Amino acid sequence: MDEGDQPRILISNRQERPIDQVGVAALARDVLRSEGIEVAELSLSFVTDEEIADLHERYMNEPGPTDVLSFPLDDADGAEGRDDVPLLGDVVVAPAVAARDRPDDPEAEIRLLVVHGILHLLGYDHDEDGARTRMWDRQERYSGVRAP
């Protein structure tokens, strides 16, 4: 396996909007490397409003679509991908929601959401002001996009 393939980013696009899969995979890889993760596997799923609404209700008990969800896999579960590479989890993004949230630049919003989801997988949160500032600073640095 080529070192440039690590961390391994698996993309599933289950919706109609065009996605720069090469670009988001490179972004995800850069974020993980910047956070000190050199060898791992991450799943990025791009889904319809209906699919993310179902996941949002099922796992967060909140109705309606959201823009991004993160599903971490706990290392204690021994989650490993192919070739015994640790699985980090799945980031699920709804491009149609991203387009509604930032109609002037939906691609920028998708970059922001991918980074946001990855940071959640890595344990970042935004429930408290200090943690929020730390997470938002990283999001902006990695994505090049300011959160609203």
Protein backbone atom coordinates (compact mmCIF):
# COMPACT_ATOMS: atom_id res chain seq x y z
CA MET A 1 0.00 0.00 0.00
CA ASP A 2 1.26 3.45 -0.95
CA GLU A 3 1.87 5.82 2.00
CA GLY A 4 -0.18 8.44 0.13
CA ASP A 5 -3.19 6.15 0.61
CA GLN A 6 -3.09 6.61 4.39
CA PRO A 7 -5.17 7.44 6.20
CA ARG A 8 -7.59 5.51 3.99
CA ILE A 9 -10.75 7.43 3.09
CA LEU A 10 -13.73 5.44 1.81
CA ILE A 11 -16.44 7.45 0.07
CA SER A 12 -20.04 6.45 -0.53
CA ASN A 13 -22.10 8.91 -2.55
CA ARG A 14 -25.78 7.99 -2.26
CA GLN A 15 -27.32 11.23 -3.52
CA GLU A 16 -27.57 13.20 -6.78
CA ARG A 17 -25.46 16.33 -6.23
CA PRO A 18 -21.93 16.28 -7.65
CA ILE A 19 -19.21 15.76 -5.04
CA ASP A 20 -15.50 16.39 -5.54
CA GLN A 21 -14.59 12.98 -4.14
CA VAL A 22 -10.87 13.37 -4.75
CA GLY A 23 -10.90 16.78 -3.06
CA VAL A 24 -12.89 15.74 0.02
CA ALA A 25 -10.76 12.59 0.42
CA ALA A 26 -7.60 14.72 0.31
CA LEU A 27 -9.13 17.18 2.80
CA ALA A 28 -10.09 14.36 5.17
CA ARG A 29 -6.62 12.82 4.89
CA ASP A 30 -5.00 16.21 5.59
CA VAL A 31 -7.17 16.78 8.68
CA LEU A 32 -6.36 13.35 10.09
CA ARG A 33 -2.63 13.76 9.45
CA SER A 34 -2.70 17.23 11.02
CA GLU A 35 -4.32 15.68 14.08
CA GLY A 36 -1.53 13.09 14.29
CA ILE A 37 -3.36 10.16 12.70
CA GLU A 38 -1.23 8.56 10.01
CA VAL A 39 -2.81 5.12 9.70
CA ALA A 40 -6.58 4.69 9.92
CA GLU A 41 -9.72 4.20 7.88
CA LEU A 42 -12.55 6.72 7.69
CA SER A 43 -15.85 6.45 5.88
CA LEU A 44 -17.43 9.55 4.30
CA SER A 45 -21.04 9.12 3.19
CA PHE A 46 -22.95 11.70 1.16
CA VAL A 47 -26.67 11.09 1.52
CA THR A 48 -30.13 12.42 0.69
CA ASP A 49 -32.24 14.55 3.01
CA GLU A 50 -34.45 11.52 3.65
CA GLU A 51 -31.55 9.29 4.69
CA ILE A 52 -29.98 11.85 7.03
CA ALA A 53 -33.41 12.68 8.52
CA ASP A 54 -33.88 8.98 9.28
CA LEU A 55 -30.43 8.75 10.89
CA HIS A 56 -30.99 12.00 12.79
CA GLU A 57 -34.21 10.74 14.30
CA ARG A 58 -32.98 7.20 14.92
CA TYR A 59 -29.68 8.11 16.60
CA MET A 60 -30.21 11.64 17.94
CA ASN A 61 -33.98 11.50 18.62
CA GLU A 62 -34.39 14.74 16.68
CA PRO A 63 -36.79 15.12 13.74
CA GLY A 64 -35.88 16.30 10.27
CA PRO A 65 -32.70 16.44 8.25
CA THR A 66 -29.46 17.83 9.63
CA ASP A 67 -26.27 18.75 7.79
CA VAL A 68 -23.73 16.28 9.24
CA LEU A 69 -23.62 13.35 11.65
CA SER A 70 -20.61 11.49 13.02
CA PHE A 71 -20.60 7.90 14.13
CA PRO A 72 -17.34 7.07 15.91
CA LEU A 73 -16.17 3.53 16.34
CA ASP A 74 -14.67 2.92 19.75
CA ASP A 75 -11.14 1.44 19.73
CA ALA A 76 -12.18 -0.67 22.71
CA ASP A 77 -14.51 -2.53 20.35
CA GLY A 78 -11.47 -3.64 18.38
CA ALA A 79 -12.86 -2.11 15.21
CA GLU A 80 -10.45 -2.76 12.40
CA GLY A 81 -10.80 -2.31 8.67
CA ARG A 82 -8.93 -4.05 5.92
CA ASP A 83 -5.30 -4.94 6.66
CA ASP A 84 -5.88 -4.44 10.42
CA VAL A 85 -6.14 -0.66 9.97
CA PRO A 86 -8.10 1.01 12.81
CA LEU A 87 -11.58 2.22 11.81
CA LEU A 88 -12.33 5.74 13.06
CA GLY A 89 -15.99 5.81 12.07
CA ASP A 90 -18.38 7.31 9.57
CA VAL A 91 -19.07 10.95 8.75
CA VAL A 92 -22.44 11.39 7.03
CA VAL A 93 -23.04 14.63 5.11
CA ALA A 94 -26.23 15.86 3.44
CA PRO A 95 -25.14 17.98 0.44
CA ALA A 96 -28.68 19.29 -0.17
CA VAL A 97 -28.75 20.69 3.39
CA ALA A 98 -25.28 22.17 2.83
CA ALA A 99 -26.58 23.88 -0.33
CA ARG A 100 -29.51 25.37 1.58
CA ASP A 101 -27.25 26.51 4.43
CA ARG A 102 -24.72 28.20 2.13
CA PRO A 103 -26.39 28.70 -1.28
CA ASP A 104 -23.62 31.01 -2.48
CA ASP A 105 -20.94 28.31 -2.01
CA PRO A 106 -22.25 24.80 -1.21
CA GLU A 107 -18.83 23.23 -1.89
CA ALA A 108 -17.33 25.35 0.90
CA GLU A 109 -20.10 24.23 3.23
CA ILE A 110 -19.41 20.58 2.35
CA ARG A 111 -15.71 21.08 3.18
CA LEU A 112 -16.68 22.66 6.51
CA LEU A 113 -19.09 19.80 7.30
CA VAL A 114 -16.54 17.10 6.44
CA VAL A 115 -14.00 18.71 8.77
CA HIS A 116 -16.65 19.26 11.46
CA GLY A 117 -17.67 15.59 11.33
CA ILE A 118 -14.08 14.36 11.47
CA LEU A 119 -13.32 16.55 14.48
CA HIS A 120 -16.33 15.04 16.26
CA LEU A 121 -14.95 11.55 15.52
CA LEU A 122 -11.69 12.64 17.12
CA GLY A 123 -13.43 13.74 20.31
CA TYR A 124 -13.91 17.46 19.73
CA ASP A 125 -17.21 18.98 20.80
CA HIS A 126 -18.87 22.37 20.94
CA ASP A 127 -21.19 22.14 23.93
CA GLU A 128 -19.17 24.65 25.98
CA ASP A 129 -17.72 27.99 24.89
CA GLY A 130 -14.04 27.04 25.31
CA ALA A 131 -14.45 23.74 23.52
CA ARG A 132 -16.51 25.42 20.81
CA THR A 133 -13.81 28.04 20.19
CA ARG A 134 -11.13 25.34 19.97
CA MET A 135 -13.20 23.25 17.53
CA TRP A 136 -14.25 26.23 15.39
CA ASP A 137 -10.61 27.42 15.13
CA ARG A 138 -9.55 24.00 13.86
CA GLN A 139 -12.50 23.78 11.47
CA GLU A 140 -11.63 27.10 9.90
CA ARG A 141 -7.93 26.30 9.68
CA TYR A 142 -8.48 22.92 8.01
CA SER A 143 -11.44 23.76 5.76
CA GLY A 144 -10.60 27.37 4.92
CA VAL A 145 -14.25 28.17 5.67
CA ARG A 146 -15.64 30.26 8.51
CA ALA A 147 -18.58 28.77 10.41
CA PRO A 148 -21.62 31.02 10.57
